[in-house]
Amino acid sequence: MTSDDARGPEEQAGREPGQGPEDKPFHFTDKRKVDPETAQPRPAGEAAPSEGAGDGAETDPLAGLDFEPSGEAEVDAEVLAAKAEAAEHLEALQRERASFTNYRNRSLRDQEAARARGVEDVLTALLPVLDDIDRARQHGELTGPFAAIAEKLDASLEKFGIERYGKVGEEFDPTVHEALMHQADPEATATTVNLVIEPGYRIGERVVRAARVSVVGPE
């Protein structure tokens, strides 16, 4: 009979007599590369003594495990950096878009103002010709081909938003009329136009030349 046969099953399993499998103390080796107490790196191959060995003290079985950092942390950092860079690019793009929108609107306003000034300059240069045509029309001298030319000229002016105004009988308005003569009428209740000497011209709401008229009104 051998010595192993003389030992009981508990002794052969490394347990004291009467001690069950669940009562065997847990032993582990601390493989951490940095000493948690001194914060100093441990020499290669050196392991710290296990805590609680032999005294039966309860310890965290995972406290001594050496967990190596996984690649997930690096991936998360790269994702956060990429998101921050994308946000910066988006903000810069939005600023450029707002700047371009302001520039486009300003350019459109400048173009419209330049166009209006050009039309006004052309109209101012044509005023003497338009006055001659209007006088010929009033005296019945605008006939034949000249009448057709005058109608085409009026249609062309309307395309550019030019309006001729000033009629006999309309109420005098000092903002659009220039009174060259005034006649008193005791029976009149308002000042009205009784003669259009030269018609007025305006582009939209802008008066290029006020209508030059003769008015009649109360004393």
C-alpha atoms as a PDB file:
ATOM      1  CA  MET A   1       0.000   0.000   0.000  1.00  0.00           C
ATOM      2  CA  THR A   2       1.506   3.281  -1.106  1.00  0.00           C
ATOM      3  CA  SER A   3       1.550   6.617   0.687  1.00  0.00           C
ATOM      4  CA  ASP A   4      -0.994   8.017  -1.787  1.00  0.00           C
ATOM      5  CA  ASP A   5      -3.366   5.259  -0.946  1.00  0.00           C
ATOM      6  CA  ALA A   6      -2.979   6.079   2.768  1.00  0.00           C
ATOM      7  CA  ARG A   7      -4.119   9.663   2.180  1.00  0.00           C
ATOM      8  CA  GLY A   8      -7.743  10.426   1.938  1.00  0.00           C
ATOM      9  CA  PRO A   9      -9.420  12.029  -1.117  1.00  0.00           C
ATOM     10  CA  GLU A  10      -9.321  15.465   0.535  1.00  0.00           C
ATOM     11  CA  GLU A  11      -5.550  15.257   1.064  1.00  0.00           C
ATOM     12  CA  GLN A  12      -4.967  14.028  -2.461  1.00  0.00           C
ATOM     13  CA  ALA A  13      -6.967  17.066  -3.778  1.00  0.00           C
ATOM     14  CA  GLY A  14      -4.851  19.463  -1.682  1.00  0.00           C
ATOM     15  CA  ARG A  15      -7.520  20.019   0.999  1.00  0.00           C
ATOM     16  CA  GLU A  16      -7.546  19.498   4.691  1.00  0.00           C
ATOM     17  CA  PRO A  17      -9.501  16.541   5.977  1.00  0.00           C
ATOM     18  CA  GLY A  18     -13.157  17.470   6.233  1.00  0.00           C
ATOM     19  CA  GLN A  19     -12.788  20.413   3.850  1.00  0.00           C
ATOM     20  CA  GLY A  20     -15.093  20.446   0.811  1.00  0.00           C
ATOM     21  CA  PRO A  21     -14.246  21.633  -2.703  1.00  0.00           C
ATOM     22  CA  GLU A  22     -16.055  24.913  -2.141  1.00  0.00           C
ATOM     23  CA  ASP A  23     -13.931  25.643   0.970  1.00  0.00           C
ATOM     24  CA  LYS A  24     -10.595  25.584  -0.845  1.00  0.00           C
ATOM     25  CA  PRO A  25      -9.004  29.101  -0.704  1.00  0.00           C
ATOM     26  CA  PHE A  26      -8.644  30.966  -3.991  1.00  0.00           C
ATOM     27  CA  HIS A  27      -5.108  31.912  -4.999  1.00  0.00           C
ATOM     28  CA  PHE A  28      -4.149  34.257  -7.830  1.00  0.00           C
ATOM     29  CA  THR A  29      -1.032  35.989  -9.051  1.00  0.00           C
ATOM     30  CA  ASP A  30      -0.897  39.790  -9.516  1.00  0.00           C
ATOM     31  CA  LYS A  31       0.523  40.275 -13.014  1.00  0.00           C
ATOM     32  CA  ARG A  32       0.032  44.009 -13.207  1.00  0.00           C
ATOM     33  CA  LYS A  33       3.062  45.722 -14.747  1.00  0.00           C
ATOM     34  CA  VAL A  34       2.768  48.767 -12.453  1.00  0.00           C
ATOM     35  CA  ASP A  35       2.751  48.451  -8.675  1.00  0.00           C
ATOM     36  CA  PRO A  36      -0.523  50.069  -7.502  1.00  0.00           C
ATOM     37  CA  GLU A  37       1.058  51.083  -4.161  1.00  0.00           C
ATOM     38  CA  THR A  38       4.328  52.653  -5.412  1.00  0.00           C
ATOM     39  CA  ALA A  39       3.190  53.531  -8.945  1.00  0.00           C
ATOM     40  CA  GLN A  40       6.549  52.173 -10.140  1.00  0.00           C
ATOM     41  CA  PRO A  41       6.976  49.661 -12.962  1.00  0.00           C
ATOM     42  CA  ARG A  42       7.757  46.145 -11.835  1.00  0.00           C
ATOM     43  CA  PRO A  43      10.764  44.263 -13.217  1.00  0.00           C
ATOM     44  CA  ALA A  44       9.974  41.838 -15.980  1.00  0.00           C
ATOM     45  CA  GLY A  45       8.977  38.421 -14.702  1.00  0.00           C
ATOM     46  CA  GLU A  46       8.421  39.581 -11.110  1.00  0.00           C
ATOM     47  CA  ALA A  47       4.975  38.994  -9.694  1.00  0.00           C
ATOM     48  CA  ALA A  48       3.616  40.567  -6.529  1.00  0.00           C
ATOM     49  CA  PRO A  49       2.747  38.227  -3.661  1.00  0.00           C
ATOM     50  CA  SER A  50      -0.860  37.223  -3.681  1.00  0.00           C
ATOM     51  CA  GLU A  51      -3.011  38.943  -1.120  1.00  0.00           C
ATOM     52  CA  GLY A  52      -4.947  36.913   1.357  1.00  0.00           C
ATOM     53  CA  ALA A  53      -2.988  33.738   0.677  1.00  0.00           C
ATOM     54  CA  GLY A  54      -2.975  31.577   3.779  1.00  0.00           C
ATOM     55  CA  ASP A  55      -4.992  33.989   5.935  1.00  0.00           C
ATOM     56  CA  GLY A  56      -8.330  33.204   4.310  1.00  0.00           C
ATOM     57  CA  ALA A  57      -9.110  36.935   3.733  1.00  0.00           C
ATOM     58  CA  GLU A  58     -11.769  37.588   1.087  1.00  0.00           C
ATOM     59  CA  THR A  59     -10.366  39.447  -1.930  1.00  0.00           C
ATOM     60  CA  ASP A  60     -11.628  40.457  -5.380  1.00  0.00           C
ATOM     61  CA  PRO A  61     -10.539  37.637  -7.689  1.00  0.00           C
ATOM     62  CA  LEU A  62     -10.382  40.065 -10.634  1.00  0.00           C
ATOM     63  CA  ALA A  63      -8.259  42.695  -8.852  1.00  0.00           C
ATOM     64  CA  GLY A  64      -4.986  41.089  -9.816  1.00  0.00           C
ATOM     65  CA  LEU A  65      -5.780  40.341 -13.428  1.00  0.00           C
ATOM     66  CA  ASP A  66      -3.704  42.191 -16.025  1.00  0.00           C
ATOM     67  CA  PHE A  67      -6.080  43.710 -18.592  1.00  0.00           C
ATOM     68  CA  GLU A  68      -4.377  45.023 -21.697  1.00  0.00           C
ATOM     69  CA  PRO A  69      -6.052  48.072 -23.361  1.00  0.00           C
ATOM     70  CA  SER A  70      -8.134  46.998 -26.319  1.00  0.00           C
ATOM     71  CA  GLY A  71      -8.271  48.766 -29.694  1.00  0.00           C
ATOM     72  CA  GLU A  72     -11.805  50.000 -29.026  1.00  0.00           C
ATOM     73  CA  ALA A  73     -10.537  52.977 -26.985  1.00  0.00           C
ATOM     74  CA  GLU A  74      -8.297  54.078 -29.848  1.00  0.00           C
ATOM     75  CA  VAL A  75     -11.165  53.692 -32.320  1.00  0.00           C
ATOM     76  CA  ASP A  76     -13.471  55.781 -30.113  1.00  0.00           C
ATOM     77  CA  ALA A  77     -10.853  58.540 -29.889  1.00  0.00           C
ATOM     78  CA  GLU A  78     -10.448  58.559 -33.661  1.00  0.00           C
ATOM     79  CA  VAL A  79     -14.229  58.753 -34.143  1.00  0.00           C
ATOM     80  CA  LEU A  80     -14.516  61.686 -31.737  1.00  0.00           C
ATOM     81  CA  ALA A  81     -11.671  63.498 -33.482  1.00  0.00           C
ATOM     82  CA  ALA A  82     -13.285  62.892 -36.879  1.00  0.00           C
ATOM     83  CA  LYS A  83     -16.637  64.198 -35.625  1.00  0.00           C
ATOM     84  CA  ALA A  84     -14.996  67.341 -34.224  1.00  0.00           C
ATOM     85  CA  GLU A  85     -13.197  67.957 -37.514  1.00  0.00           C
ATOM     86  CA  ALA A  86     -16.426  67.424 -39.468  1.00  0.00           C
ATOM     87  CA  ALA A  87     -18.231  69.926 -37.214  1.00  0.00           C
ATOM     88  CA  GLU A  88     -15.511  72.507 -37.856  1.00  0.00           C
ATOM     89  CA  HIS A  89     -15.754  71.995 -41.619  1.00  0.00           C
ATOM     90  CA  LEU A  90     -19.560  72.249 -41.470  1.00  0.00           C
ATOM     91  CA  GLU A  91     -19.392  75.507 -39.521  1.00  0.00           C
ATOM     92  CA  ALA A  92     -16.885  76.942 -42.003  1.00  0.00           C
ATOM     93  CA  LEU A  93     -19.112  75.873 -44.908  1.00  0.00           C
ATOM     94  CA  GLN A  94     -22.142  77.525 -43.329  1.00  0.00           C
ATOM     95  CA  ARG A  95     -20.206  80.769 -42.864  1.00  0.00           C
ATOM     96  CA  GLU A  96     -19.079  80.698 -46.493  1.00  0.00           C
ATOM     97  CA  ARG A  97     -22.628  80.002 -47.653  1.00  0.00           C
ATOM     98  CA  ALA A  98     -24.025  82.922 -45.642  1.00  0.00           C
ATOM     99  CA  SER A  99     -21.282  85.183 -46.993  1.00  0.00           C
ATOM    100  CA  PHE A 100     -22.027  84.118 -50.576  1.00  0.00           C
ATOM    101  CA  THR A 101     -25.771  84.668 -50.070  1.00  0.00           C
ATOM    102  CA  ASN A 102     -25.153  88.195 -48.789  1.00  0.00           C
ATOM    103  CA  TYR A 103     -22.807  88.886 -51.706  1.00  0.00           C
ATOM    104  CA  ARG A 104     -25.354  87.608 -54.230  1.00  0.00           C
ATOM    105  CA  ASN A 105     -28.174  89.708 -52.769  1.00  0.00           C
ATOM    106  CA  ARG A 106     -25.952  92.781 -52.683  1.00  0.00           C
ATOM    107  CA  SER A 107     -24.930  92.180 -56.310  1.00  0.00           C
ATOM    108  CA  LEU A 108     -28.553  91.867 -57.403  1.00  0.00           C
ATOM    109  CA  ARG A 109     -29.429  95.152 -55.678  1.00  0.00           C
ATOM    110  CA  ASP A 110     -26.443  96.876 -57.278  1.00  0.00           C
ATOM    111  CA  GLN A 111     -27.408  95.544 -60.710  1.00  0.00           C
ATOM    112  CA  GLU A 112     -30.978  96.748 -60.313  1.00  0.00           C
ATOM    113  CA  ALA A 113     -29.817 100.172 -59.153  1.00  0.00           C
ATOM    114  CA  ALA A 114     -27.388 100.421 -62.097  1.00  0.00           C
ATOM    115  CA  ARG A 115     -30.148  99.429 -64.510  1.00  0.00           C
ATOM    116  CA  ALA A 116     -32.521 102.036 -63.062  1.00  0.00           C
ATOM    117  CA  ARG A 117     -29.831 104.738 -63.361  1.00  0.00           C
ATOM    118  CA  GLY A 118     -29.180 103.737 -66.980  1.00  0.00           C
ATOM    119  CA  VAL A 119     -32.868 103.930 -67.894  1.00  0.00           C
ATOM    120  CA  GLU A 120     -33.164 107.281 -66.131  1.00  0.00           C
ATOM    121  CA  ASP A 121     -30.158 108.679 -68.015  1.00  0.00           C
ATOM    122  CA  VAL A 122     -31.607 107.590 -71.366  1.00  0.00           C
ATOM    123  CA  LEU A 123     -35.001 109.065 -70.513  1.00  0.00           C
ATOM    124  CA  THR A 124     -33.437 112.372 -69.472  1.00  0.00           C
ATOM    125  CA  ALA A 125     -31.614 112.558 -72.819  1.00  0.00           C
ATOM    126  CA  LEU A 126     -34.850 111.825 -74.728  1.00  0.00           C
ATOM    127  CA  LEU A 127     -37.017 114.385 -72.920  1.00  0.00           C
ATOM    128  CA  PRO A 128     -36.605 117.168 -75.541  1.00  0.00           C
ATOM    129  CA  VAL A 129     -37.558 114.719 -78.329  1.00  0.00           C
ATOM    130  CA  LEU A 130     -40.536 113.419 -76.358  1.00  0.00           C
ATOM    131  CA  ASP A 131     -41.726 116.994 -75.711  1.00  0.00           C
ATOM    132  CA  ASP A 132     -41.594 117.796 -79.427  1.00  0.00           C
ATOM    133  CA  ILE A 133     -43.574 114.668 -80.255  1.00  0.00           C
ATOM    134  CA  ASP A 134     -46.153 115.548 -77.600  1.00  0.00           C
ATOM    135  CA  ARG A 135     -46.585 119.113 -78.931  1.00  0.00           C
ATOM    136  CA  ALA A 136     -47.017 117.799 -82.465  1.00  0.00           C
ATOM    137  CA  ARG A 137     -49.641 115.372 -81.200  1.00  0.00           C
ATOM    138  CA  GLN A 138     -51.551 118.172 -79.398  1.00  0.00           C
ATOM    139  CA  HIS A 139     -51.584 120.319 -82.543  1.00  0.00           C
ATOM    140  CA  GLY A 140     -52.631 117.462 -84.806  1.00  0.00           C
ATOM    141  CA  GLU A 141     -49.389 117.492 -86.735  1.00  0.00           C
ATOM    142  CA  LEU A 142     -48.419 113.917 -85.859  1.00  0.00           C
ATOM    143  CA  THR A 143     -49.788 111.943 -88.784  1.00  0.00           C
ATOM    144  CA  GLY A 144     -48.722 109.239 -91.186  1.00  0.00           C
ATOM    145  CA  PRO A 145     -45.480 107.345 -90.561  1.00  0.00           C
ATOM    146  CA  PHE A 146     -44.466 109.754 -87.796  1.00  0.00           C
ATOM    147  CA  ALA A 147     -47.511 108.753 -85.757  1.00  0.00           C
ATOM    148  CA  ALA A 148     -46.553 105.082 -86.059  1.00  0.00           C
ATOM    149  CA  ILE A 149     -42.971 105.863 -84.987  1.00  0.00           C
ATOM    150  CA  ALA A 150     -44.256 107.825 -81.974  1.00  0.00           C
ATOM    151  CA  GLU A 151     -46.450 104.891 -80.916  1.00  0.00           C
ATOM    152  CA  LYS A 152     -43.500 102.468 -81.157  1.00  0.00           C
ATOM    153  CA  LEU A 153     -41.390 104.835 -79.068  1.00  0.00           C
ATOM    154  CA  ASP A 154     -44.078 105.005 -76.385  1.00  0.00           C
ATOM    155  CA  ALA A 155     -44.362 101.198 -76.342  1.00  0.00           C
ATOM    156  CA  SER A 156     -40.586 100.870 -75.964  1.00  0.00           C
ATOM    157  CA  LEU A 157     -40.589 103.277 -73.014  1.00  0.00           C
ATOM    158  CA  GLU A 158     -43.347 101.275 -71.321  1.00  0.00           C
ATOM    159  CA  LYS A 159     -41.208  98.107 -71.517  1.00  0.00           C
ATOM    160  CA  PHE A 160     -38.635  99.809 -69.300  1.00  0.00           C
ATOM    161  CA  GLY A 161     -41.270 100.907 -66.774  1.00  0.00           C
ATOM    162  CA  ILE A 162     -41.363 104.558 -67.951  1.00  0.00           C
ATOM    163  CA  GLU A 163     -44.733 106.215 -67.427  1.00  0.00           C
ATOM    164  CA  ARG A 164     -45.988 109.509 -68.861  1.00  0.00           C
ATOM    165  CA  TYR A 165     -48.492 111.315 -66.630  1.00  0.00           C
ATOM    166  CA  GLY A 166     -50.290 114.646 -66.313  1.00  0.00           C
ATOM    167  CA  LYS A 167     -53.888 115.192 -67.457  1.00  0.00           C
ATOM    168  CA  VAL A 168     -56.297 118.086 -67.402  1.00  0.00           C
ATOM    169  CA  GLY A 169     -58.768 117.886 -64.537  1.00  0.00           C
ATOM    170  CA  GLU A 170     -56.628 115.910 -62.091  1.00  0.00           C
ATOM    171  CA  GLU A 171     -55.987 117.388 -58.656  1.00  0.00           C
ATOM    172  CA  PHE A 172     -52.757 119.285 -58.248  1.00  0.00           C
ATOM    173  CA  ASP A 173     -50.087 117.404 -56.296  1.00  0.00           C
ATOM    174  CA  PRO A 174     -46.918 119.368 -55.551  1.00  0.00           C
ATOM    175  CA  THR A 175     -44.897 116.117 -55.300  1.00  0.00           C
ATOM    176  CA  VAL A 176     -45.543 115.234 -58.967  1.00  0.00           C
ATOM    177  CA  HIS A 177     -46.656 118.558 -60.515  1.00  0.00           C
ATOM    178  CA  GLU A 178     -44.854 121.844 -61.107  1.00  0.00           C
ATOM    179  CA  ALA A 179     -47.304 124.744 -61.362  1.00  0.00           C
ATOM    180  CA  LEU A 180     -46.052 127.319 -63.856  1.00  0.00           C
ATOM    181  CA  MET A 181     -49.308 129.348 -63.865  1.00  0.00           C
ATOM    182  CA  HIS A 182     -52.163 129.766 -61.411  1.00  0.00           C
ATOM    183  CA  GLN A 183     -55.684 131.056 -62.028  1.00  0.00           C
ATOM    184  CA  ALA A 184     -58.153 131.925 -59.293  1.00  0.00           C
ATOM    185  CA  ASP A 185     -61.724 130.652 -59.393  1.00  0.00           C
ATOM    186  CA  PRO A 186     -64.077 131.660 -56.562  1.00  0.00           C
ATOM    187  CA  GLU A 187     -66.262 128.634 -57.246  1.00  0.00           C
ATOM    188  CA  ALA A 188     -63.408 126.121 -57.145  1.00  0.00           C
ATOM    189  CA  THR A 189     -63.149 123.908 -54.071  1.00  0.00           C
ATOM    190  CA  ALA A 190     -59.732 122.377 -54.912  1.00  0.00           C
ATOM    191  CA  THR A 191     -56.754 123.207 -57.041  1.00  0.00           C
ATOM    192  CA  THR A 192     -56.816 121.230 -60.281  1.00  0.00           C
ATOM    193  CA  VAL A 193     -54.839 121.094 -63.503  1.00  0.00           C
ATOM    194  CA  ASN A 194     -56.422 123.030 -66.380  1.00  0.00           C
ATOM    195  CA  LEU A 195     -53.493 122.867 -68.826  1.00  0.00           C
ATOM    196  CA  VAL A 196     -50.579 120.454 -69.275  1.00  0.00           C
ATOM    197  CA  ILE A 197     -47.607 122.351 -70.632  1.00  0.00           C
ATOM    198  CA  GLU A 198     -45.147 119.443 -70.486  1.00  0.00           C
ATOM    199  CA  PRO A 199     -46.095 115.958 -69.283  1.00  0.00           C
ATOM    200  CA  GLY A 200     -44.254 114.375 -66.421  1.00  0.00           C
ATOM    201  CA  TYR A 201     -42.264 111.156 -66.524  1.00  0.00           C
ATOM    202  CA  ARG A 202     -41.521 108.655 -63.781  1.00  0.00           C
ATOM    203  CA  ILE A 203     -39.958 105.217 -63.414  1.00  0.00           C
ATOM    204  CA  GLY A 204     -41.919 103.270 -60.865  1.00  0.00           C
ATOM    205  CA  GLU A 205     -42.308 105.599 -57.887  1.00  0.00           C
ATOM    206  CA  ARG A 206     -39.324 107.774 -58.843  1.00  0.00           C
ATOM    207  CA  VAL A 207     -40.239 111.029 -60.593  1.00  0.00           C
ATOM    208  CA  VAL A 208     -37.711 111.852 -63.305  1.00  0.00           C
ATOM    209  CA  ARG A 209     -39.437 115.100 -64.260  1.00  0.00           C
ATOM    210  CA  ALA A 210     -42.493 116.640 -62.672  1.00  0.00           C
ATOM    211  CA  ALA A 211     -45.393 117.525 -64.961  1.00  0.00           C
ATOM    212  CA  ARG A 212     -45.339 121.246 -65.769  1.00  0.00           C
ATOM    213  CA  VAL A 213     -48.895 122.493 -65.627  1.00  0.00           C
ATOM    214  CA  SER A 214     -51.226 125.444 -65.211  1.00  0.00           C
ATOM    215  CA  VAL A 215     -53.677 125.161 -62.340  1.00  0.00           C
ATOM    216  CA  VAL A 216     -56.925 126.746 -61.296  1.00  0.00           C
ATOM    217  CA  GLY A 217     -58.138 126.943 -57.726  1.00  0.00           C
ATOM    218  CA  PRO A 218     -59.784 129.031 -55.031  1.00  0.00           C
ATOM    219  CA  GLU A 219     -58.361 132.441 -54.200  1.00  0.00           C
END
